[in-house]
Each structure stands twice: as C-alpha cells, then as structure tokens.
Amino acid sequence: MDSDRPEPHPGCGPCAELDEQRTRAHGRGDGSAETDCSVLLRRHIKEAHA
C-alpha cells in the first residue's frame, strides 16, 4: 500500500469498513479496487471528520 494512504478514524464504522475493503483488495492484488477504497475513504474523512 502506498505511504500517503488515508488512515481510518478510530471507532468509526464507515472508516473501518472502507479500510477492510481496501486491505482485502490489496491482498488479492486488485490495485484498482484498493485505489477506489482509498478515494472513498478520503472523501468520507473529509465529509465526516473535517
């Protein structure tokens, strides 16, 4: 995973779910899905935790 990937906020269910999906995508070598999850996580963080 890249070094600038967004980190989930502790205790946030949506953050945890997107992080888990991203981890699974990475594990199966699906870079496109991994990137999609990072984009969605960044968007969620900006909207919910800014």
N, C-alpha and C. Protein backbone atom coordinates (compact mmCIF):
# COMPACT_ATOMS: atom_id res chain seq x y z
N MET A 1 0.84 -1.18 0.00
CA MET A 1 0.00 0.00 0.00
C MET A 1 0.89 1.24 0.00
N ASP A 2 0.39 2.31 -0.61
CA ASP A 2 1.22 3.49 -0.72
C ASP A 2 1.32 4.23 0.61
N SER A 3 2.38 5.05 0.75
CA SER A 3 2.67 5.71 2.01
C SER A 3 1.72 6.86 2.31
N ASP A 4 1.01 7.39 1.32
CA ASP A 4 0.10 8.51 1.56
C ASP A 4 -1.36 8.06 1.66
N ARG A 5 -1.55 6.82 1.95
CA ARG A 5 -2.92 6.31 2.05
C ARG A 5 -3.60 6.89 3.29
N PRO A 6 -4.88 7.22 3.19
CA PRO A 6 -5.59 7.77 4.34
C PRO A 6 -5.75 6.72 5.43
N GLU A 7 -5.69 7.17 6.66
CA GLU A 7 -5.86 6.26 7.80
C GLU A 7 -7.27 6.44 8.37
N PRO A 8 -7.93 5.33 8.70
CA PRO A 8 -9.28 5.41 9.25
C PRO A 8 -9.29 6.04 10.64
N HIS A 9 -10.37 6.72 10.97
CA HIS A 9 -10.53 7.30 12.30
C HIS A 9 -10.96 6.20 13.27
N PRO A 10 -10.32 6.13 14.43
CA PRO A 10 -10.69 5.11 15.42
C PRO A 10 -12.17 5.20 15.82
N GLY A 11 -12.80 4.06 15.89
CA GLY A 11 -14.19 4.00 16.33
C GLY A 11 -15.23 4.36 15.29
N CYS A 12 -14.81 4.62 14.06
CA CYS A 12 -15.75 4.99 13.00
C CYS A 12 -16.04 3.76 12.15
N GLY A 13 -17.28 3.32 12.14
CA GLY A 13 -17.68 2.14 11.37
C GLY A 13 -17.43 2.27 9.88
N PRO A 14 -17.85 3.37 9.24
CA PRO A 14 -17.60 3.51 7.81
C PRO A 14 -16.11 3.52 7.47
N CYS A 15 -15.31 4.18 8.29
CA CYS A 15 -13.86 4.17 8.07
C CYS A 15 -13.32 2.74 8.15
N ALA A 16 -13.75 2.02 9.17
CA ALA A 16 -13.26 0.65 9.36
C ALA A 16 -13.65 -0.24 8.18
N GLU A 17 -14.88 -0.08 7.70
CA GLU A 17 -15.36 -0.91 6.59
C GLU A 17 -14.56 -0.62 5.32
N LEU A 18 -14.34 0.66 5.01
CA LEU A 18 -13.57 1.00 3.82
C LEU A 18 -12.13 0.53 3.94
N ASP A 19 -11.56 0.63 5.14
CA ASP A 19 -10.19 0.16 5.35
C ASP A 19 -10.11 -1.36 5.17
N GLU A 20 -11.10 -2.08 5.66
CA GLU A 20 -11.13 -3.54 5.50
C GLU A 20 -11.27 -3.92 4.02
N GLN A 21 -12.14 -3.23 3.30
CA GLN A 21 -12.29 -3.49 1.87
C GLN A 21 -10.98 -3.23 1.13
N ARG A 22 -10.30 -2.15 1.51
CA ARG A 22 -9.03 -1.81 0.88
C ARG A 22 -7.97 -2.88 1.18
N THR A 23 -7.95 -3.35 2.41
CA THR A 23 -6.99 -4.40 2.79
C THR A 23 -7.25 -5.68 2.01
N ARG A 24 -8.52 -6.05 1.86
CA ARG A 24 -8.86 -7.26 1.08
C ARG A 24 -8.46 -7.09 -0.38
N ALA A 25 -8.71 -5.91 -0.94
CA ALA A 25 -8.34 -5.65 -2.34
C ALA A 25 -6.82 -5.76 -2.51
N HIS A 26 -6.09 -5.21 -1.58
CA HIS A 26 -4.62 -5.30 -1.63
C HIS A 26 -4.18 -6.77 -1.58
N GLY A 27 -4.81 -7.53 -0.70
CA GLY A 27 -4.47 -8.94 -0.53
C GLY A 27 -4.69 -9.78 -1.77
N ARG A 28 -5.66 -9.41 -2.55
CA ARG A 28 -5.93 -10.18 -3.77
C ARG A 28 -5.27 -9.55 -5.00
N GLY A 29 -4.49 -8.48 -4.77
CA GLY A 29 -3.76 -7.86 -5.87
C GLY A 29 -4.60 -6.99 -6.77
N ASP A 30 -5.71 -6.50 -6.27
CA ASP A 30 -6.62 -5.66 -7.05
C ASP A 30 -6.33 -4.19 -6.76
N GLY A 31 -5.33 -3.65 -7.44
CA GLY A 31 -4.90 -2.28 -7.22
C GLY A 31 -5.97 -1.25 -7.52
N SER A 32 -6.81 -1.54 -8.50
CA SER A 32 -7.89 -0.62 -8.86
C SER A 32 -8.89 -0.49 -7.71
N ALA A 33 -9.32 -1.60 -7.17
CA ALA A 33 -10.27 -1.58 -6.05
C ALA A 33 -9.61 -0.96 -4.81
N GLU A 34 -8.34 -1.23 -4.62
CA GLU A 34 -7.62 -0.65 -3.48
C GLU A 34 -7.61 0.88 -3.58
N THR A 35 -7.32 1.38 -4.78
CA THR A 35 -7.33 2.83 -5.00
C THR A 35 -8.73 3.40 -4.82
N ASP A 36 -9.74 2.71 -5.33
CA ASP A 36 -11.12 3.17 -5.16
C ASP A 36 -11.47 3.30 -3.68
N CYS A 37 -11.08 2.33 -2.88
CA CYS A 37 -11.36 2.39 -1.44
C CYS A 37 -10.64 3.56 -0.78
N SER A 38 -9.42 3.82 -1.19
CA SER A 38 -8.69 4.96 -0.64
C SER A 38 -9.38 6.28 -0.99
N VAL A 39 -9.84 6.39 -2.23
CA VAL A 39 -10.56 7.60 -2.66
C VAL A 39 -11.83 7.77 -1.83
N LEU A 40 -12.58 6.69 -1.67
CA LEU A 40 -13.82 6.76 -0.89
C LEU A 40 -13.53 7.07 0.58
N LEU A 41 -12.45 6.52 1.11
CA LEU A 41 -12.09 6.79 2.50
C LEU A 41 -11.68 8.25 2.67
N ARG A 42 -10.89 8.78 1.74
CA ARG A 42 -10.53 10.20 1.80
C ARG A 42 -11.78 11.08 1.77
N ARG A 43 -12.70 10.75 0.88
CA ARG A 43 -13.94 11.53 0.76
C ARG A 43 -14.75 11.46 2.05
N HIS A 44 -14.88 10.25 2.60
CA HIS A 44 -15.61 10.09 3.86
C HIS A 44 -14.96 10.90 4.97
N ILE A 45 -13.65 10.81 5.09
CA ILE A 45 -12.93 11.54 6.15
C ILE A 45 -13.17 13.04 6.00
N LYS A 46 -13.09 13.54 4.79
CA LYS A 46 -13.30 14.97 4.54
C LYS A 46 -14.71 15.40 4.93
N GLU A 47 -15.69 14.56 4.61
CA GLU A 47 -17.08 14.92 4.87
C GLU A 47 -17.50 14.67 6.32
N ALA A 48 -17.00 13.63 6.93
CA ALA A 48 -17.48 13.24 8.25
C ALA A 48 -16.56 13.67 9.40
N HIS A 49 -15.29 13.89 9.12
CA HIS A 49 -14.34 14.14 10.20
C HIS A 49 -13.58 15.45 10.08
N ALA A 50 -13.94 16.27 9.11
CA ALA A 50 -13.20 17.53 8.92
C ALA A 50 -13.61 18.59 9.91
